[in-house]
Amino acid sequence: MSKITNCKRCNLSYHRKQVVIGSGNKQANILVVGEAPGLIEDKTGKGFVGIAGMHKELGIRILLKEEGLLHDCYFANVVKCKPPSNREPKNNEISKCFPILLKQIDLLKPRIIILAGSIPAQVFGLKQITTSRGKIYNWVRGEITYKLCPIYHPIYVIRNNSNVELVNKYIKDIKQIKKLWQKL
């Protein structure tokens, strides 16, 4: 753990307050993966506690709570440190952090992995989020098959909340995840 909290694998270590490893139920059946911590996550050390997680209508934590799933979730990111100016993580930063995420998956063994946005979807080998969202993919690691559920990133939906079709697709995807979770 101290190796991760003191990580200096890439230049993101110079811009963070702390490494945001993840937060939530460590026996969760659902792992929610974002791209990187934001400002509030960097301050608190918890994933998805900023606008993407807590927006009153479209935050992922709020929607998962409304669907009765929040208690069975763990939240993490592809990269563990906040990029400067909230930019997308670079490929070299992703390649340094992805092994940590894989280790988290190995330890947590979630049944469902929600990929929130294009970066997490691409890291797991999926195509554009616009064509991959709304579908469920099998991802095998070792002897375990995980269900990958790509969704639009909550921030993208929040920023474009006047696009009713986009919001409806996002909410539909969360409801589809609930149905998948109910079959576990």
C-alpha atoms as a PDB file:
ATOM      1  CA  MET A   1       0.000   0.000   0.000  1.00  0.00           C
ATOM      2  CA  SER A   2       2.762   2.488   0.839  1.00  0.00           C
ATOM      3  CA  LYS A   3       4.294   1.891  -2.604  1.00  0.00           C
ATOM      4  CA  ILE A   4       1.053   3.066  -4.175  1.00  0.00           C
ATOM      5  CA  THR A   5       0.432   6.023  -1.854  1.00  0.00           C
ATOM      6  CA  ASN A   6       4.001   7.234  -2.478  1.00  0.00           C
ATOM      7  CA  CYS A   7       3.952   6.419  -6.189  1.00  0.00           C
ATOM      8  CA  LYS A   8       6.272   8.393  -8.454  1.00  0.00           C
ATOM      9  CA  ARG A   9       5.814   6.286 -11.605  1.00  0.00           C
ATOM     10  CA  CYS A  10       4.828   9.291 -13.736  1.00  0.00           C
ATOM     11  CA  ASN A  11       4.669  13.087 -13.678  1.00  0.00           C
ATOM     12  CA  LEU A  12       1.123  13.112 -12.281  1.00  0.00           C
ATOM     13  CA  SER A  13       2.707  12.605  -8.858  1.00  0.00           C
ATOM     14  CA  TYR A  14       3.870  16.239  -8.981  1.00  0.00           C
ATOM     15  CA  HIS A  15       0.324  17.565  -9.409  1.00  0.00           C
ATOM     16  CA  ARG A  16      -1.607  15.582  -6.811  1.00  0.00           C
ATOM     17  CA  LYS A  17      -2.387  16.015  -3.147  1.00  0.00           C
ATOM     18  CA  GLN A  18      -2.736  12.244  -2.727  1.00  0.00           C
ATOM     19  CA  VAL A  19      -3.085   9.009  -4.633  1.00  0.00           C
ATOM     20  CA  VAL A  20      -6.765   8.130  -5.021  1.00  0.00           C
ATOM     21  CA  ILE A  21      -6.755   4.347  -4.893  1.00  0.00           C
ATOM     22  CA  GLY A  22     -10.503   3.893  -4.630  1.00  0.00           C
ATOM     23  CA  SER A  23     -13.378   3.743  -2.183  1.00  0.00           C
ATOM     24  CA  GLY A  24     -16.482   1.782  -1.410  1.00  0.00           C
ATOM     25  CA  ASN A  25     -17.472  -1.756  -0.529  1.00  0.00           C
ATOM     26  CA  LYS A  26     -14.411  -4.010  -0.785  1.00  0.00           C
ATOM     27  CA  GLN A  27     -16.679  -7.042  -1.313  1.00  0.00           C
ATOM     28  CA  ALA A  28     -18.664  -5.260  -4.036  1.00  0.00           C
ATOM     29  CA  ASN A  29     -20.066  -7.024  -7.055  1.00  0.00           C
ATOM     30  CA  ILE A  30     -19.809  -3.782  -9.052  1.00  0.00           C
ATOM     31  CA  LEU A  31     -16.634  -1.852  -9.799  1.00  0.00           C
ATOM     32  CA  VAL A  32     -17.133   1.608 -11.290  1.00  0.00           C
ATOM     33  CA  VAL A  33     -14.059   2.753 -13.231  1.00  0.00           C
ATOM     34  CA  GLY A  34     -13.544   6.371 -14.250  1.00  0.00           C
ATOM     35  CA  GLU A  35     -10.602   7.907 -16.032  1.00  0.00           C
ATOM     36  CA  ALA A  36      -8.905   9.951 -13.272  1.00  0.00           C
ATOM     37  CA  PRO A  37      -9.594  11.698  -9.982  1.00  0.00           C
ATOM     38  CA  GLY A  38     -10.825  15.275 -10.073  1.00  0.00           C
ATOM     39  CA  LEU A  39     -10.191  18.113  -7.630  1.00  0.00           C
ATOM     40  CA  ILE A  40     -12.564  16.893  -4.893  1.00  0.00           C
ATOM     41  CA  GLU A  41     -11.377  13.290  -5.252  1.00  0.00           C
ATOM     42  CA  ASP A  42      -7.784  14.513  -4.905  1.00  0.00           C
ATOM     43  CA  LYS A  43      -8.730  16.286  -1.663  1.00  0.00           C
ATOM     44  CA  THR A  44     -10.805  13.458  -0.153  1.00  0.00           C
ATOM     45  CA  GLY A  45      -9.039  10.378  -1.517  1.00  0.00           C
ATOM     46  CA  LYS A  46     -12.385   8.909  -2.618  1.00  0.00           C
ATOM     47  CA  GLY A  47     -13.595   8.164  -6.135  1.00  0.00           C
ATOM     48  CA  PHE A  48     -16.622   9.824  -7.736  1.00  0.00           C
ATOM     49  CA  VAL A  49     -17.401  12.235  -4.902  1.00  0.00           C
ATOM     50  CA  GLY A  50     -17.269  15.357  -7.076  1.00  0.00           C
ATOM     51  CA  ILE A  51     -19.878  16.476  -9.579  1.00  0.00           C
ATOM     52  CA  ALA A  52     -19.600  13.234 -11.613  1.00  0.00           C
ATOM     53  CA  GLY A  53     -20.610  11.254  -8.558  1.00  0.00           C
ATOM     54  CA  MET A  54     -22.816  13.581  -6.579  1.00  0.00           C
ATOM     55  CA  HIS A  55     -24.728  15.708  -9.099  1.00  0.00           C
ATOM     56  CA  LYS A  56     -28.279  15.844  -7.734  1.00  0.00           C
ATOM     57  CA  GLU A  57     -29.881  14.201 -10.778  1.00  0.00           C
ATOM     58  CA  LEU A  58     -27.215  12.579 -12.934  1.00  0.00           C
ATOM     59  CA  GLY A  59     -24.293  11.794 -10.625  1.00  0.00           C
ATOM     60  CA  ILE A  60     -23.325   8.136 -10.854  1.00  0.00           C
ATOM     61  CA  ARG A  61     -23.455   7.621  -7.078  1.00  0.00           C
ATOM     62  CA  ILE A  62     -26.905   9.243  -6.940  1.00  0.00           C
ATOM     63  CA  LEU A  63     -28.294   7.075  -9.767  1.00  0.00           C
ATOM     64  CA  LEU A  64     -26.770   3.887  -8.340  1.00  0.00           C
ATOM     65  CA  LYS A  65     -28.284   4.749  -4.964  1.00  0.00           C
ATOM     66  CA  GLU A  66     -31.700   5.324  -6.556  1.00  0.00           C
ATOM     67  CA  GLU A  67     -31.439   1.898  -8.221  1.00  0.00           C
ATOM     68  CA  GLY A  68     -30.440   0.250  -4.926  1.00  0.00           C
ATOM     69  CA  LEU A  69     -26.936  -0.591  -6.124  1.00  0.00           C
ATOM     70  CA  LEU A  70     -24.688   1.868  -4.281  1.00  0.00           C
ATOM     71  CA  HIS A  71     -24.079  -0.463  -1.319  1.00  0.00           C
ATOM     72  CA  ASP A  72     -22.625  -3.052  -3.716  1.00  0.00           C
ATOM     73  CA  CYS A  73     -20.151  -0.731  -5.487  1.00  0.00           C
ATOM     74  CA  TYR A  74     -16.478   0.112  -5.320  1.00  0.00           C
ATOM     75  CA  PHE A  75     -15.182   3.187  -7.160  1.00  0.00           C
ATOM     76  CA  ALA A  76     -11.760   3.487  -8.807  1.00  0.00           C
ATOM     77  CA  ASN A  77     -10.067   5.157 -11.754  1.00  0.00           C
ATOM     78  CA  VAL A  78      -7.731   4.123 -14.548  1.00  0.00           C
ATOM     79  CA  VAL A  79      -5.117   6.573 -13.226  1.00  0.00           C
ATOM     80  CA  LYS A  80      -4.802   7.211  -9.518  1.00  0.00           C
ATOM     81  CA  CYS A  81      -3.576  10.825  -9.531  1.00  0.00           C
ATOM     82  CA  LYS A  82      -5.345  14.000 -10.655  1.00  0.00           C
ATOM     83  CA  PRO A  83      -4.033  15.278 -14.000  1.00  0.00           C
ATOM     84  CA  PRO A  84      -3.260  19.019 -14.122  1.00  0.00           C
ATOM     85  CA  SER A  85      -6.115  21.248 -15.293  1.00  0.00           C
ATOM     86  CA  ASN A  86      -8.400  18.196 -15.296  1.00  0.00           C
ATOM     87  CA  ARG A  87      -7.011  17.083 -18.666  1.00  0.00           C
ATOM     88  CA  GLU A  88      -7.368  13.515 -19.925  1.00  0.00           C
ATOM     89  CA  PRO A  89      -4.632  11.140 -18.784  1.00  0.00           C
ATOM     90  CA  LYS A  90      -1.870  10.527 -21.322  1.00  0.00           C
ATOM     91  CA  ASN A  91      -1.038   7.062 -22.625  1.00  0.00           C
ATOM     92  CA  ASN A  92       2.223   6.838 -20.639  1.00  0.00           C
ATOM     93  CA  GLU A  93       0.339   7.744 -17.444  1.00  0.00           C
ATOM     94  CA  ILE A  94      -2.328   5.161 -18.178  1.00  0.00           C
ATOM     95  CA  SER A  95       0.272   2.460 -18.839  1.00  0.00           C
ATOM     96  CA  LYS A  96       1.915   3.180 -15.462  1.00  0.00           C
ATOM     97  CA  CYS A  97      -1.358   2.987 -13.507  1.00  0.00           C
ATOM     98  CA  PHE A  98      -3.264   0.260 -15.336  1.00  0.00           C
ATOM     99  CA  PRO A  99      -1.393  -2.549 -13.512  1.00  0.00           C
ATOM    100  CA  ILE A 100      -2.670  -1.073 -10.231  1.00  0.00           C
ATOM    101  CA  LEU A 101      -6.256  -1.202 -11.514  1.00  0.00           C
ATOM    102  CA  LEU A 102      -5.725  -4.809 -12.634  1.00  0.00           C
ATOM    103  CA  LYS A 103      -4.446  -5.669  -9.155  1.00  0.00           C
ATOM    104  CA  GLN A 104      -7.563  -4.044  -7.676  1.00  0.00           C
ATOM    105  CA  ILE A 105      -9.734  -6.183  -9.941  1.00  0.00           C
ATOM    106  CA  ASP A 106      -7.829  -9.298  -8.898  1.00  0.00           C
ATOM    107  CA  LEU A 107      -8.353  -8.464  -5.222  1.00  0.00           C
ATOM    108  CA  LEU A 108     -11.961  -7.233  -5.417  1.00  0.00           C
ATOM    109  CA  LYS A 109     -13.232  -9.778  -7.953  1.00  0.00           C
ATOM    110  CA  PRO A 110     -16.300  -7.727  -8.929  1.00  0.00           C
ATOM    111  CA  ARG A 111     -18.780  -9.447 -11.210  1.00  0.00           C
ATOM    112  CA  ILE A 112     -19.662  -6.254 -13.103  1.00  0.00           C
ATOM    113  CA  ILE A 113     -17.274  -3.503 -14.183  1.00  0.00           C
ATOM    114  CA  ILE A 114     -18.886  -0.217 -15.196  1.00  0.00           C
ATOM    115  CA  LEU A 115     -16.605   1.677 -17.563  1.00  0.00           C
ATOM    116  CA  ALA A 116     -17.562   5.327 -17.129  1.00  0.00           C
ATOM    117  CA  GLY A 117     -16.435   7.090 -20.268  1.00  0.00           C
ATOM    118  CA  SER A 118     -14.273   6.599 -23.316  1.00  0.00           C
ATOM    119  CA  ILE A 119     -10.875   6.246 -21.597  1.00  0.00           C
ATOM    120  CA  PRO A 120     -11.887   3.299 -19.377  1.00  0.00           C
ATOM    121  CA  ALA A 121     -13.688   1.682 -22.329  1.00  0.00           C
ATOM    122  CA  GLN A 122     -10.632   2.024 -24.573  1.00  0.00           C
ATOM    123  CA  VAL A 123      -8.273   0.724 -21.876  1.00  0.00           C
ATOM    124  CA  PHE A 124     -10.365  -2.445 -21.730  1.00  0.00           C
ATOM    125  CA  GLY A 125     -10.168  -2.802 -25.520  1.00  0.00           C
ATOM    126  CA  LEU A 126     -13.578  -1.469 -26.509  1.00  0.00           C
ATOM    127  CA  LYS A 127     -14.305   0.878 -29.383  1.00  0.00           C
ATOM    128  CA  GLN A 128     -15.801   4.360 -29.201  1.00  0.00           C
ATOM    129  CA  ILE A 129     -18.092   4.872 -26.221  1.00  0.00           C
ATOM    130  CA  THR A 130     -20.873   5.973 -28.581  1.00  0.00           C
ATOM    131  CA  THR A 131     -20.920   2.515 -30.190  1.00  0.00           C
ATOM    132  CA  SER A 132     -19.976   0.368 -27.183  1.00  0.00           C
ATOM    133  CA  ARG A 133     -22.307   1.833 -24.545  1.00  0.00           C
ATOM    134  CA  GLY A 134     -25.545   0.021 -23.904  1.00  0.00           C
ATOM    135  CA  LYS A 135     -23.928  -3.365 -24.536  1.00  0.00           C
ATOM    136  CA  ILE A 136     -22.471  -5.912 -22.143  1.00  0.00           C
ATOM    137  CA  TYR A 137     -19.111  -7.488 -22.919  1.00  0.00           C
ATOM    138  CA  ASN A 138     -17.361 -10.492 -21.433  1.00  0.00           C
ATOM    139  CA  TRP A 139     -13.793  -9.843 -20.297  1.00  0.00           C
ATOM    140  CA  VAL A 140     -11.768 -12.798 -19.121  1.00  0.00           C
ATOM    141  CA  ARG A 141      -8.898 -12.400 -16.695  1.00  0.00           C
ATOM    142  CA  GLY A 142      -7.399 -15.590 -15.377  1.00  0.00           C
ATOM    143  CA  GLU A 143     -10.262 -17.969 -14.681  1.00  0.00           C
ATOM    144  CA  ILE A 144     -12.844 -15.240 -14.081  1.00  0.00           C
ATOM    145  CA  THR A 145     -15.193 -13.733 -16.640  1.00  0.00           C
ATOM    146  CA  TYR A 146     -16.255 -10.191 -15.824  1.00  0.00           C
ATOM    147  CA  LYS A 147     -19.160  -8.287 -17.358  1.00  0.00           C
ATOM    148  CA  LEU A 148     -18.005  -4.964 -18.812  1.00  0.00           C
ATOM    149  CA  CYS A 149     -20.697  -2.285 -19.012  1.00  0.00           C
ATOM    150  CA  PRO A 150     -19.540   0.871 -20.791  1.00  0.00           C
ATOM    151  CA  ILE A 151     -21.575   4.020 -20.128  1.00  0.00           C
ATOM    152  CA  TYR A 152     -21.192   7.670 -20.983  1.00  0.00           C
ATOM    153  CA  HIS A 153     -19.089   9.506 -18.430  1.00  0.00           C
ATOM    154  CA  PRO A 154     -21.386  11.287 -15.959  1.00  0.00           C
ATOM    155  CA  ILE A 155     -19.661  14.647 -16.548  1.00  0.00           C
ATOM    156  CA  TYR A 156     -20.351  14.377 -20.283  1.00  0.00           C
ATOM    157  CA  VAL A 157     -24.034  13.727 -19.556  1.00  0.00           C
ATOM    158  CA  ILE A 158     -24.231  16.509 -16.950  1.00  0.00           C
ATOM    159  CA  ARG A 159     -22.645  19.028 -19.334  1.00  0.00           C
ATOM    160  CA  ASN A 160     -25.050  17.990 -22.082  1.00  0.00           C
ATOM    161  CA  ASN A 161     -28.141  17.494 -19.919  1.00  0.00           C
ATOM    162  CA  SER A 162     -30.328  19.409 -22.357  1.00  0.00           C
ATOM    163  CA  ASN A 163     -29.840  16.494 -24.777  1.00  0.00           C
ATOM    164  CA  VAL A 164     -32.780  14.374 -23.649  1.00  0.00           C
ATOM    165  CA  GLU A 165     -31.789  11.413 -25.836  1.00  0.00           C
ATOM    166  CA  LEU A 166     -28.303  11.334 -24.276  1.00  0.00           C
ATOM    167  CA  VAL A 167     -29.676  11.531 -20.723  1.00  0.00           C
ATOM    168  CA  ASN A 168     -32.209   8.785 -21.474  1.00  0.00           C
ATOM    169  CA  LYS A 169     -29.483   6.484 -22.855  1.00  0.00           C
ATOM    170  CA  TYR A 170     -27.360   7.078 -19.739  1.00  0.00           C
ATOM    171  CA  ILE A 171     -30.249   6.297 -17.388  1.00  0.00           C
ATOM    172  CA  LYS A 172     -31.241   3.278 -19.504  1.00  0.00           C
ATOM    173  CA  ASP A 173     -27.675   1.947 -19.212  1.00  0.00           C
ATOM    174  CA  ILE A 174     -27.801   2.227 -15.402  1.00  0.00           C
ATOM    175  CA  LYS A 175     -31.130   0.379 -15.355  1.00  0.00           C
ATOM    176  CA  GLN A 176     -29.650  -2.333 -17.605  1.00  0.00           C
ATOM    177  CA  ILE A 177     -26.794  -2.737 -15.121  1.00  0.00           C
ATOM    178  CA  LYS A 178     -29.342  -3.149 -12.338  1.00  0.00           C
ATOM    179  CA  LYS A 179     -31.045  -5.969 -14.275  1.00  0.00           C
ATOM    180  CA  LEU A 180     -27.670  -7.642 -14.797  1.00  0.00           C
ATOM    181  CA  TRP A 181     -26.869  -7.232 -11.084  1.00  0.00           C
ATOM    182  CA  GLN A 182     -30.221  -8.770 -10.105  1.00  0.00           C
ATOM    183  CA  LYS A 183     -29.273 -11.941 -12.005  1.00  0.00           C
ATOM    184  CA  LEU A 184     -26.044 -12.450 -10.015  1.00  0.00           C
END
